[in-house]
Amino acid sequence: VTREGTTPGAVSLTAEEKAALIKGSSELLRDVLGKPLESTFVV
């Protein structure tokens, strides 16, 4: 993602946004490919 944030004046994603991306990506791989959450790494 670009380092510009999602709200005025922000220069980065928030910790909450990052957590949601990690959770959503991991759940997608679980649901589509059957990969366990604990085996998925998100960077």
PDB file of all heavy atoms in Angstrom:
ATOM      1  N   VAL A   1       0.860  -1.188   0.000  1.00  0.00           N
ATOM      2  CA  VAL A   1       0.000   0.000   0.000  1.00  0.00           C
ATOM      3  C   VAL A   1       0.891   1.231   0.000  1.00  0.00           C
ATOM      4  O   VAL A   1       2.024   1.196   0.462  1.00  0.00           O
ATOM      5  CB  VAL A   1      -0.957   0.038   1.220  1.00  0.00           C
ATOM      6  CG1 VAL A   1      -1.928  -1.118   1.186  1.00  0.00           C
ATOM      7  CG2 VAL A   1      -0.188   0.029   2.520  1.00  0.00           C
ATOM      8  N   THR A   2       0.368   2.320  -0.544  1.00  0.00           N
ATOM      9  CA  THR A   2       1.141   3.557  -0.499  1.00  0.00           C
ATOM     10  C   THR A   2       1.099   4.136   0.909  1.00  0.00           C
ATOM     11  O   THR A   2       0.121   3.985   1.633  1.00  0.00           O
ATOM     12  CB  THR A   2       0.590   4.587  -1.480  1.00  0.00           C
ATOM     13  OG1 THR A   2      -0.787   4.787  -1.231  1.00  0.00           O
ATOM     14  CG2 THR A   2       0.792   4.137  -2.913  1.00  0.00           C
ATOM     15  N   ARG A   3       2.187   4.761   1.275  1.00  0.00           N
ATOM     16  CA  ARG A   3       2.301   5.366   2.604  1.00  0.00           C
ATOM     17  C   ARG A   3       1.679   6.761   2.550  1.00  0.00           C
ATOM     18  O   ARG A   3       2.346   7.765   2.448  1.00  0.00           O
ATOM     19  CB  ARG A   3       3.761   5.458   3.028  1.00  0.00           C
ATOM     20  CG  ARG A   3       3.946   5.913   4.473  1.00  0.00           C
ATOM     21  CD  ARG A   3       5.418   6.050   4.817  1.00  0.00           C
ATOM     22  NE  ARG A   3       6.166   4.850   4.529  1.00  0.00           N
ATOM     23  CZ  ARG A   3       6.412   3.880   5.422  1.00  0.00           C
ATOM     24  NH1 ARG A   3       5.990   3.988   6.644  1.00  0.00           N
ATOM     25  NH2 ARG A   3       7.101   2.819   5.066  1.00  0.00           N
ATOM     26  N   GLU A   4       0.349   6.783   2.577  1.00  0.00           N
ATOM     27  CA  GLU A   4      -0.350   8.058   2.571  1.00  0.00           C
ATOM     28  C   GLU A   4      -1.514   8.061   3.542  1.00  0.00           C
ATOM     29  O   GLU A   4      -2.178   9.061   3.719  1.00  0.00           O
ATOM     30  CB  GLU A   4      -0.825   8.406   1.160  1.00  0.00           C
ATOM     31  CG  GLU A   4      -1.750   7.388   0.541  1.00  0.00           C
ATOM     32  CD  GLU A   4      -2.105   7.716  -0.886  1.00  0.00           C
ATOM     33  OE1 GLU A   4      -2.465   8.879  -1.169  1.00  0.00           O
ATOM     34  OE2 GLU A   4      -2.005   6.819  -1.737  1.00  0.00           O
ATOM     35  N   GLY A   5      -1.766   6.932   4.168  1.00  0.00           N
ATOM     36  CA  GLY A   5      -2.846   6.880   5.133  1.00  0.00           C
ATOM     37  C   GLY A   5      -4.211   6.924   4.476  1.00  0.00           C
ATOM     38  O   GLY A   5      -4.349   7.117   3.275  1.00  0.00           O
ATOM     39  N   THR A   6      -5.226   6.721   5.276  1.00  0.00           N
ATOM     40  CA  THR A   6      -6.580   6.699   4.750  1.00  0.00           C
ATOM     41  C   THR A   6      -7.434   7.827   5.313  1.00  0.00           C
ATOM     42  O   THR A   6      -8.593   7.962   4.959  1.00  0.00           O
ATOM     43  CB  THR A   6      -7.250   5.355   5.066  1.00  0.00           C
ATOM     44  OG1 THR A   6      -7.161   5.116   6.471  1.00  0.00           O
ATOM     45  CG2 THR A   6      -6.565   4.217   4.332  1.00  0.00           C
ATOM     46  N   THR A   7      -6.853   8.627   6.175  1.00  0.00           N
ATOM     47  CA  THR A   7      -7.563   9.784   6.721  1.00  0.00           C
ATOM     48  C   THR A   7      -6.701  11.021   6.527  1.00  0.00           C
ATOM     49  O   THR A   7      -5.473  10.915   6.451  1.00  0.00           O
ATOM     50  CB  THR A   7      -7.876   9.597   8.225  1.00  0.00           C
ATOM     51  OG1 THR A   7      -6.652   9.387   8.934  1.00  0.00           O
ATOM     52  CG2 THR A   7      -8.796   8.413   8.463  1.00  0.00           C
ATOM     53  N   PRO A   8      -7.302  12.207   6.451  1.00  0.00           N
ATOM     54  CA  PRO A   8      -6.512  13.426   6.255  1.00  0.00           C
ATOM     55  C   PRO A   8      -5.422  13.575   7.316  1.00  0.00           C
ATOM     56  O   PRO A   8      -5.672  13.371   8.505  1.00  0.00           O
ATOM     57  CB  PRO A   8      -7.553  14.535   6.378  1.00  0.00           C
ATOM     58  CG  PRO A   8      -8.840  13.882   5.999  1.00  0.00           C
ATOM     59  CD  PRO A   8      -8.731  12.471   6.504  1.00  0.00           C
ATOM     60  N   GLY A   9      -4.224  13.867   6.872  1.00  0.00           N
ATOM     61  CA  GLY A   9      -3.102  14.084   7.768  1.00  0.00           C
ATOM     62  C   GLY A   9      -2.357  12.820   8.159  1.00  0.00           C
ATOM     63  O   GLY A   9      -1.281  12.887   8.729  1.00  0.00           O
ATOM     64  N   ALA A  10      -2.900  11.655   7.857  1.00  0.00           N
ATOM     65  CA  ALA A  10      -2.241  10.398   8.202  1.00  0.00           C
ATOM     66  C   ALA A  10      -1.154  10.088   7.187  1.00  0.00           C
ATOM     67  O   ALA A  10      -1.267  10.436   6.017  1.00  0.00           O
ATOM     68  CB  ALA A  10      -3.254   9.269   8.249  1.00  0.00           C
ATOM     69  N   VAL A  11      -0.099   9.443   7.631  1.00  0.00           N
ATOM     70  CA  VAL A  11       0.985   9.061   6.731  1.00  0.00           C
ATOM     71  C   VAL A  11       1.193   7.551   6.723  1.00  0.00           C
ATOM     72  O   VAL A  11       2.193   7.066   6.225  1.00  0.00           O
ATOM     73  CB  VAL A  11       2.312   9.772   7.102  1.00  0.00           C
ATOM     74  CG1 VAL A  11       2.195  11.266   6.868  1.00  0.00           C
ATOM     75  CG2 VAL A  11       2.718   9.463   8.521  1.00  0.00           C
ATOM     76  N   SER A  12       0.241   6.828   7.286  1.00  0.00           N
ATOM     77  CA  SER A  12       0.367   5.387   7.369  1.00  0.00           C
ATOM     78  C   SER A  12      -1.005   4.786   7.632  1.00  0.00           C
ATOM     79  O   SER A  12      -1.930   5.490   8.054  1.00  0.00           O
ATOM     80  CB  SER A  12       1.318   5.031   8.521  1.00  0.00           C
ATOM     81  OG  SER A  12       1.430   3.641   8.670  1.00  0.00           O
ATOM     82  N   LEU A  13      -1.135   3.505   7.390  1.00  0.00           N
ATOM     83  CA  LEU A  13      -2.330   2.808   7.830  1.00  0.00           C
ATOM     84  C   LEU A  13      -2.345   2.770   9.350  1.00  0.00           C
ATOM     85  O   LEU A  13      -1.292   2.795   9.979  1.00  0.00           O
ATOM     86  CB  LEU A  13      -2.334   1.365   7.315  1.00  0.00           C
ATOM     87  CG  LEU A  13      -2.383   1.145   5.811  1.00  0.00           C
ATOM     88  CD1 LEU A  13      -2.312  -0.344   5.502  1.00  0.00           C
ATOM     89  CD2 LEU A  13      -3.650   1.732   5.229  1.00  0.00           C
ATOM     90  N   THR A  14      -3.512   2.673   9.920  1.00  0.00           N
ATOM     91  CA  THR A  14      -3.598   2.534  11.372  1.00  0.00           C
ATOM     92  C   THR A  14      -3.340   1.082  11.768  1.00  0.00           C
ATOM     93  O   THR A  14      -3.435   0.172  10.928  1.00  0.00           O
ATOM     94  CB  THR A  14      -4.989   2.947  11.890  1.00  0.00           C
ATOM     95  OG1 THR A  14      -5.953   2.008  11.399  1.00  0.00           O
ATOM     96  CG2 THR A  14      -5.357   4.365  11.470  1.00  0.00           C
ATOM     97  N   ALA A  15      -3.050   0.871  13.029  1.00  0.00           N
ATOM     98  CA  ALA A  15      -2.857  -0.491  13.532  1.00  0.00           C
ATOM     99  C   ALA A  15      -4.130  -1.308  13.326  1.00  0.00           C
ATOM    100  O   ALA A  15      -4.064  -2.506  12.999  1.00  0.00           O
ATOM    101  CB  ALA A  15      -2.470  -0.457  15.010  1.00  0.00           C
ATOM    102  N   GLU A  16      -5.280  -0.670  13.466  1.00  0.00           N
ATOM    103  CA  GLU A  16      -6.551  -1.371  13.282  1.00  0.00           C
ATOM    104  C   GLU A  16      -6.742  -1.790  11.822  1.00  0.00           C
ATOM    105  O   GLU A  16      -7.229  -2.882  11.533  1.00  0.00           O
ATOM    106  CB  GLU A  16      -7.717  -0.495  13.738  1.00  0.00           C
ATOM    107  CG  GLU A  16      -7.746  -0.238  15.236  1.00  0.00           C
ATOM    108  CD  GLU A  16      -6.792   0.863  15.701  1.00  0.00           C
ATOM    109  OE1 GLU A  16      -6.274   1.634  14.851  1.00  0.00           O
ATOM    110  OE2 GLU A  16      -6.530   0.944  16.917  1.00  0.00           O
ATOM    111  N   GLU A  17      -6.378  -0.914  10.887  1.00  0.00           N
ATOM    112  CA  GLU A  17      -6.487  -1.252   9.467  1.00  0.00           C
ATOM    113  C   GLU A  17      -5.556  -2.402   9.107  1.00  0.00           C
ATOM    114  O   GLU A  17      -5.934  -3.324   8.374  1.00  0.00           O
ATOM    115  CB  GLU A  17      -6.182  -0.031   8.600  1.00  0.00           C
ATOM    116  CG  GLU A  17      -7.251   1.040   8.667  1.00  0.00           C
ATOM    117  CD  GLU A  17      -6.831   2.353   8.074  1.00  0.00           C
ATOM    118  OE1 GLU A  17      -5.632   2.704   8.097  1.00  0.00           O
ATOM    119  OE2 GLU A  17      -7.720   3.062   7.560  1.00  0.00           O
ATOM    120  N   LYS A  18      -4.339  -2.368   9.647  1.00  0.00           N
ATOM    121  CA  LYS A  18      -3.386  -3.447   9.391  1.00  0.00           C
ATOM    122  C   LYS A  18      -3.899  -4.763   9.960  1.00  0.00           C
ATOM    123  O   LYS A  18      -3.815  -5.814   9.301  1.00  0.00           O
ATOM    124  CB  LYS A  18      -2.020  -3.103   9.972  1.00  0.00           C
ATOM    125  CG  LYS A  18      -1.326  -1.980   9.234  1.00  0.00           C
ATOM    126  CD  LYS A  18      -0.013  -1.622   9.893  1.00  0.00           C
ATOM    127  CE  LYS A  18       0.622  -0.432   9.197  1.00  0.00           C
ATOM    128  NZ  LYS A  18       1.901  -0.040   9.815  1.00  0.00           N
ATOM    129  N   ALA A  19      -4.446  -4.722  11.158  1.00  0.00           N
ATOM    130  CA  ALA A  19      -4.995  -5.938  11.766  1.00  0.00           C
ATOM    131  C   ALA A  19      -6.136  -6.499  10.919  1.00  0.00           C
ATOM    132  O   ALA A  19      -6.240  -7.717  10.733  1.00  0.00           O
ATOM    133  CB  ALA A  19      -5.469  -5.649  13.191  1.00  0.00           C
ATOM    134  N   ALA A  20      -6.972  -5.622  10.373  1.00  0.00           N
ATOM    135  CA  ALA A  20      -8.079  -6.075   9.538  1.00  0.00           C
ATOM    136  C   ALA A  20      -7.564  -6.701   8.240  1.00  0.00           C
ATOM    137  O   ALA A  20      -8.119  -7.703   7.766  1.00  0.00           O
ATOM    138  CB  ALA A  20      -9.021  -4.911   9.237  1.00  0.00           C
ATOM    139  N   LEU A  21      -6.523  -6.138   7.649  1.00  0.00           N
ATOM    140  CA  LEU A  21      -5.933  -6.724   6.449  1.00  0.00           C
ATOM    141  C   LEU A  21      -5.359  -8.105   6.736  1.00  0.00           C
ATOM    142  O   LEU A  21      -5.525  -9.042   5.949  1.00  0.00           O
ATOM    143  CB  LEU A  21      -4.839  -5.819   5.882  1.00  0.00           C
ATOM    144  CG  LEU A  21      -5.295  -4.533   5.209  1.00  0.00           C
ATOM    145  CD1 LEU A  21      -4.100  -3.639   4.902  1.00  0.00           C
ATOM    146  CD2 LEU A  21      -6.070  -4.849   3.939  1.00  0.00           C
ATOM    147  N   ILE A  22      -4.675  -8.240   7.858  1.00  0.00           N
ATOM    148  CA  ILE A  22      -4.090  -9.530   8.241  1.00  0.00           C
ATOM    149  C   ILE A  22      -5.186 -10.564   8.469  1.00  0.00           C
ATOM    150  O   ILE A  22      -5.125 -11.685   7.948  1.00  0.00           O
ATOM    151  CB  ILE A  22      -3.205  -9.364   9.488  1.00  0.00           C
ATOM    152  CG1 ILE A  22      -1.970  -8.525   9.136  1.00  0.00           C
ATOM    153  CG2 ILE A  22      -2.804 -10.723  10.060  1.00  0.00           C
ATOM    154  CD1 ILE A  22      -1.181  -8.024  10.329  1.00  0.00           C
ATOM    155  N   LYS A  23      -6.193 -10.183   9.205  1.00  0.00           N
ATOM    156  CA  LYS A  23      -7.301 -11.096   9.500  1.00  0.00           C
ATOM    157  C   LYS A  23      -8.025 -11.502   8.217  1.00  0.00           C
ATOM    158  O   LYS A  23      -8.260 -12.686   7.965  1.00  0.00           O
ATOM    159  CB  LYS A  23      -8.272 -10.439  10.475  1.00  0.00           C
ATOM    160  CG  LYS A  23      -9.452 -11.292  10.875  1.00  0.00           C
ATOM    161  CD  LYS A  23     -10.314 -10.550  11.910  1.00  0.00           C
ATOM    162  CE  LYS A  23     -11.396 -11.420  12.492  1.00  0.00           C
ATOM    163  NZ  LYS A  23     -12.547 -11.583  11.644  1.00  0.00           N
ATOM    164  N   GLY A  24      -8.376 -10.517   7.403  1.00  0.00           N
ATOM    165  CA  GLY A  24      -9.123 -10.795   6.186  1.00  0.00           C
ATOM    166  C   GLY A  24      -8.349 -11.652   5.200  1.00  0.00           C
ATOM    167  O   GLY A  24      -8.911 -12.579   4.594  1.00  0.00           O
ATOM    168  N   SER A  25      -7.073 -11.375   5.031  1.00  0.00           N
ATOM    169  CA  SER A  25      -6.249 -12.163   4.113  1.00  0.00           C
ATOM    170  C   SER A  25      -6.121 -13.603   4.592  1.00  0.00           C
ATOM    171  O   SER A  25      -6.231 -14.551   3.804  1.00  0.00           O
ATOM    172  CB  SER A  25      -4.853 -11.553   3.989  1.00  0.00           C
ATOM    173  OG  SER A  25      -4.913 -10.255   3.483  1.00  0.00           O
ATOM    174  N   SER A  26      -5.894 -13.760   5.869  1.00  0.00           N
ATOM    175  CA  SER A  26      -5.754 -15.102   6.440  1.00  0.00           C
ATOM    176  C   SER A  26      -7.053 -15.886   6.314  1.00  0.00           C
ATOM    177  O   SER A  26      -7.048 -17.074   5.961  1.00  0.00           O
ATOM    178  CB  SER A  26      -5.338 -15.007   7.913  1.00  0.00           C
ATOM    179  OG  SER A  26      -4.100 -14.353   8.032  1.00  0.00           O
ATOM    180  N   GLU A  27      -8.169 -15.233   6.588  1.00  0.00           N
ATOM    181  CA  GLU A  27      -9.467 -15.907   6.478  1.00  0.00           C
ATOM    182  C   GLU A  27      -9.793 -16.258   5.028  1.00  0.00           C
ATOM    183  O   GLU A  27     -10.388 -17.307   4.757  1.00  0.00           O
ATOM    184  CB  GLU A  27     -10.560 -15.049   7.098  1.00  0.00           C
ATOM    185  CG  GLU A  27     -10.452 -14.978   8.608  1.00  0.00           C
ATOM    186  CD  GLU A  27     -11.455 -14.057   9.263  1.00  0.00           C
ATOM    187  OE1 GLU A  27     -12.121 -13.263   8.557  1.00  0.00           O
ATOM    188  OE2 GLU A  27     -11.568 -14.113  10.503  1.00  0.00           O
ATOM    189  N   LEU A  28      -9.399 -15.404   4.089  1.00  0.00           N
ATOM    190  CA  LEU A  28      -9.622 -15.695   2.678  1.00  0.00           C
ATOM    191  C   LEU A  28      -8.890 -16.969   2.263  1.00  0.00           C
ATOM    192  O   LEU A  28      -9.460 -17.847   1.602  1.00  0.00           O
ATOM    193  CB  LEU A  28      -9.170 -14.513   1.815  1.00  0.00           C
ATOM    194  CG  LEU A  28      -9.300 -14.701   0.302  1.00  0.00           C
ATOM    195  CD1 LEU A  28     -10.772 -14.822  -0.099  1.00  0.00           C
ATOM    196  CD2 LEU A  28      -8.640 -13.542  -0.416  1.00  0.00           C
ATOM    197  N   LEU A  29      -7.628 -17.095   2.658  1.00  0.00           N
ATOM    198  CA  LEU A  29      -6.867 -18.295   2.316  1.00  0.00           C
ATOM    199  C   LEU A  29      -7.434 -19.533   3.012  1.00  0.00           C
ATOM    200  O   LEU A  29      -7.433 -20.624   2.447  1.00  0.00           O
ATOM    201  CB  LEU A  29      -5.389 -18.112   2.659  1.00  0.00           C
ATOM    202  CG  LEU A  29      -4.653 -17.166   1.708  1.00  0.00           C
ATOM    203  CD1 LEU A  29      -3.259 -16.871   2.215  1.00  0.00           C
ATOM    204  CD2 LEU A  29      -4.595 -17.741   0.322  1.00  0.00           C
ATOM    205  N   ARG A  30      -7.936 -19.359   4.216  1.00  0.00           N
ATOM    206  CA  ARG A  30      -8.590 -20.473   4.904  1.00  0.00           C
ATOM    207  C   ARG A  30      -9.835 -20.902   4.137  1.00  0.00           C
ATOM    208  O   ARG A  30     -10.043 -22.088   3.862  1.00  0.00           O
ATOM    209  CB  ARG A  30      -8.965 -20.066   6.328  1.00  0.00           C
ATOM    210  CG  ARG A  30      -9.694 -21.175   7.109  1.00  0.00           C
ATOM    211  CD  ARG A  30     -10.427 -20.644   8.314  1.00  0.00           C
ATOM    212  NE  ARG A  30     -11.448 -19.687   7.878  1.00  0.00           N
ATOM    213  CZ  ARG A  30     -11.942 -18.725   8.666  1.00  0.00           C
ATOM    214  NH1 ARG A  30     -11.511 -18.572   9.890  1.00  0.00           N
ATOM    215  NH2 ARG A  30     -12.865 -17.912   8.210  1.00  0.00           N
ATOM    216  N   ASP A  31     -10.670 -19.940   3.765  1.00  0.00           N
ATOM    217  CA  ASP A  31     -11.947 -20.243   3.125  1.00  0.00           C
ATOM    218  C   ASP A  31     -11.795 -20.765   1.697  1.00  0.00           C
ATOM    219  O   ASP A  31     -12.543 -21.635   1.269  1.00  0.00           O
ATOM    220  CB  ASP A  31     -12.844 -19.008   3.132  1.00  0.00           C
ATOM    221  CG  ASP A  31     -13.216 -18.555   4.533  1.00  0.00           C
ATOM    222  OD1 ASP A  31     -13.021 -19.328   5.501  1.00  0.00           O
ATOM    223  OD2 ASP A  31     -13.688 -17.405   4.664  1.00  0.00           O
ATOM    224  N   VAL A  32     -10.826 -20.224   0.955  1.00  0.00           N
ATOM    225  CA  VAL A  32     -10.679 -20.605  -0.452  1.00  0.00           C
ATOM    226  C   VAL A  32      -9.768 -21.823  -0.626  1.00  0.00           C
ATOM    227  O   VAL A  32     -10.065 -22.720  -1.407  1.00  0.00           O
ATOM    228  CB  VAL A  32     -10.147 -19.411  -1.285  1.00  0.00           C
ATOM    229  CG1 VAL A  32      -9.833 -19.830  -2.711  1.00  0.00           C
ATOM    230  CG2 VAL A  32     -11.158 -18.269  -1.268  1.00  0.00           C
ATOM    231  N   LEU A  33      -8.666 -21.846   0.121  1.00  0.00           N
ATOM    232  CA  LEU A  33      -7.673 -22.907  -0.076  1.00  0.00           C
ATOM    233  C   LEU A  33      -7.610 -23.916   1.059  1.00  0.00           C
ATOM    234  O   LEU A  33      -6.835 -24.870   0.995  1.00  0.00           O
ATOM    235  CB  LEU A  33      -6.282 -22.289  -0.274  1.00  0.00           C
ATOM    236  CG  LEU A  33      -6.125 -21.340  -1.460  1.00  0.00           C
ATOM    237  CD1 LEU A  33      -4.712 -20.775  -1.497  1.00  0.00           C
ATOM    238  CD2 LEU A  33      -6.461 -22.043  -2.758  1.00  0.00           C
ATOM    239  N   GLY A  34      -8.368 -23.675   2.130  1.00  0.00           N
ATOM    240  CA  GLY A  34      -8.337 -24.586   3.271  1.00  0.00           C
ATOM    241  C   GLY A  34      -7.074 -24.479   4.101  1.00  0.00           C
ATOM    242  O   GLY A  34      -6.724 -25.407   4.832  1.00  0.00           O
ATOM    243  N   LYS A  35      -6.381 -23.359   4.024  1.00  0.00           N
ATOM    244  CA  LYS A  35      -5.140 -23.167   4.790  1.00  0.00           C
ATOM    245  C   LYS A  35      -5.463 -22.720   6.212  1.00  0.00           C
ATOM    246  O   LYS A  35      -6.220 -21.771   6.416  1.00  0.00           O
ATOM    247  CB  LYS A  35      -4.240 -22.120   4.122  1.00  0.00           C
ATOM    248  CG  LYS A  35      -3.829 -22.470   2.715  1.00  0.00           C
ATOM    249  CD  LYS A  35      -2.956 -23.703   2.690  1.00  0.00           C
ATOM    250  CE  LYS A  35      -2.487 -24.028   1.288  1.00  0.00           C
ATOM    251  NZ  LYS A  35      -1.619 -25.196   1.253  1.00  0.00           N
ATOM    252  N   PRO A  36      -4.889 -23.372   7.210  1.00  0.00           N
ATOM    253  CA  PRO A  36      -5.153 -22.967   8.591  1.00  0.00           C
ATOM    254  C   PRO A  36      -4.621 -21.559   8.866  1.00  0.00           C
ATOM    255  O   PRO A  36      -3.588 -21.158   8.324  1.00  0.00           O
ATOM    256  CB  PRO A  36      -4.391 -23.994   9.436  1.00  0.00           C
ATOM    257  CG  PRO A  36      -3.906 -25.038   8.506  1.00  0.00           C
ATOM    258  CD  PRO A  36      -4.002 -24.512   7.116  1.00  0.00           C
ATOM    259  N   LEU A  37      -5.337 -20.825   9.713  1.00  0.00           N
ATOM    260  CA  LEU A  37      -4.908 -19.453  10.048  1.00  0.00           C
ATOM    261  C   LEU A  37      -3.474 -19.427  10.566  1.00  0.00           C
ATOM    262  O   LEU A  37      -2.698 -18.527  10.233  1.00  0.00           O
ATOM    263  CB  LEU A  37      -5.851 -18.841  11.084  1.00  0.00           C
ATOM    264  CG  LEU A  37      -7.282 -18.578  10.633  1.00  0.00           C
ATOM    265  CD1 LEU A  37      -8.107 -18.044  11.798  1.00  0.00           C
ATOM    266  CD2 LEU A  37      -7.324 -17.606   9.473  1.00  0.00           C
ATOM    267  N   GLU A  38      -3.130 -20.414  11.388  1.00  0.00           N
ATOM    268  CA  GLU A  38      -1.805 -20.391  12.021  1.00  0.00           C
ATOM    269  C   GLU A  38      -0.669 -20.709  11.050  1.00  0.00           C
ATOM    270  O   GLU A  38       0.502 -20.566  11.404  1.00  0.00           O
ATOM    271  CB  GLU A  38      -1.752 -21.338  13.221  1.00  0.00           C
ATOM    272  CG  GLU A  38      -2.047 -22.783  12.894  1.00  0.00           C
ATOM    273  CD  GLU A  38      -3.533 -23.136  12.925  1.00  0.00           C
ATOM    274  OE1 GLU A  38      -4.394 -22.245  13.078  1.00  0.00           O
ATOM    275  OE2 GLU A  38      -3.823 -24.323  12.761  1.00  0.00           O
ATOM    276  N   SER A  39      -0.986 -21.094   9.815  1.00  0.00           N
ATOM    277  CA  SER A  39       0.082 -21.368   8.852  1.00  0.00           C
ATOM    278  C   SER A  39       0.251 -20.234   7.836  1.00  0.00           C
ATOM    279  O   SER A  39       1.099 -20.321   6.953  1.00  0.00           O
ATOM    280  CB  SER A  39      -0.191 -22.683   8.110  1.00  0.00           C
ATOM    281  OG  SER A  39      -1.233 -22.517   7.171  1.00  0.00           O
ATOM    282  N   THR A  40      -0.558 -19.185   7.949  1.00  0.00           N
ATOM    283  CA  THR A  40      -0.517 -18.092   6.983  1.00  0.00           C
ATOM    284  C   THR A  40       0.235 -16.894   7.546  1.00  0.00           C
ATOM    285  O   THR A  40      -0.057 -16.443   8.654  1.00  0.00           O
ATOM    286  CB  THR A  40      -1.946 -17.673   6.582  1.00  0.00           C
ATOM    287  OG1 THR A  40      -2.596 -18.798   5.991  1.00  0.00           O
ATOM    288  CG2 THR A  40      -1.934 -16.517   5.597  1.00  0.00           C
ATOM    289  N   PHE A  41       1.187 -16.408   6.784  1.00  0.00           N
ATOM    290  CA  PHE A  41       1.940 -15.219   7.145  1.00  0.00           C
ATOM    291  C   PHE A  41       1.496 -14.072   6.250  1.00  0.00           C
ATOM    292  O   PHE A  41       1.341 -14.255   5.045  1.00  0.00           O
ATOM    293  CB  PHE A  41       3.444 -15.440   6.962  1.00  0.00           C
ATOM    294  CG  PHE A  41       4.019 -16.421   7.935  1.00  0.00           C
ATOM    295  CD1 PHE A  41       3.918 -17.784   7.694  1.00  0.00           C
ATOM    296  CD2 PHE A  41       4.626 -15.989   9.095  1.00  0.00           C
ATOM    297  CE1 PHE A  41       4.438 -18.697   8.593  1.00  0.00           C
ATOM    298  CE2 PHE A  41       5.153 -16.898  10.004  1.00  0.00           C
ATOM    299  CZ  PHE A  41       5.051 -18.264   9.745  1.00  0.00           C
ATOM    300  N   VAL A  42       1.315 -12.898   6.828  1.00  0.00           N
ATOM    301  CA  VAL A  42       0.919 -11.716   6.070  1.00  0.00           C
ATOM    302  C   VAL A  42       1.949 -10.624   6.315  1.00  0.00           C
ATOM    303  O   VAL A  42       2.252 -10.304   7.472  1.00  0.00           O
ATOM    304  CB  VAL A  42      -0.492 -11.226   6.463  1.00  0.00           C
ATOM    305  CG1 VAL A  42      -0.868  -9.985   5.660  1.00  0.00           C
ATOM    306  CG2 VAL A  42      -1.526 -12.329   6.260  1.00  0.00           C
ATOM    307  N   VAL A  43       2.467 -10.054   5.245  1.00  0.00           N
ATOM    308  CA  VAL A  43       3.438  -8.964   5.327  1.00  0.00           C
ATOM    309  C   VAL A  43       2.805  -7.740   4.671  1.00  0.00           C
ATOM    310  O   VAL A  43       2.333  -7.811   3.537  1.00  0.00           O
ATOM    311  CB  VAL A  43       4.746  -9.327   4.585  1.00  0.00           C
ATOM    312  CG1 VAL A  43       5.732  -8.164   4.636  1.00  0.00           C
ATOM    313  CG2 VAL A  43       5.352 -10.594   5.160  1.00  0.00           C
TER     314      VAL A  43
END
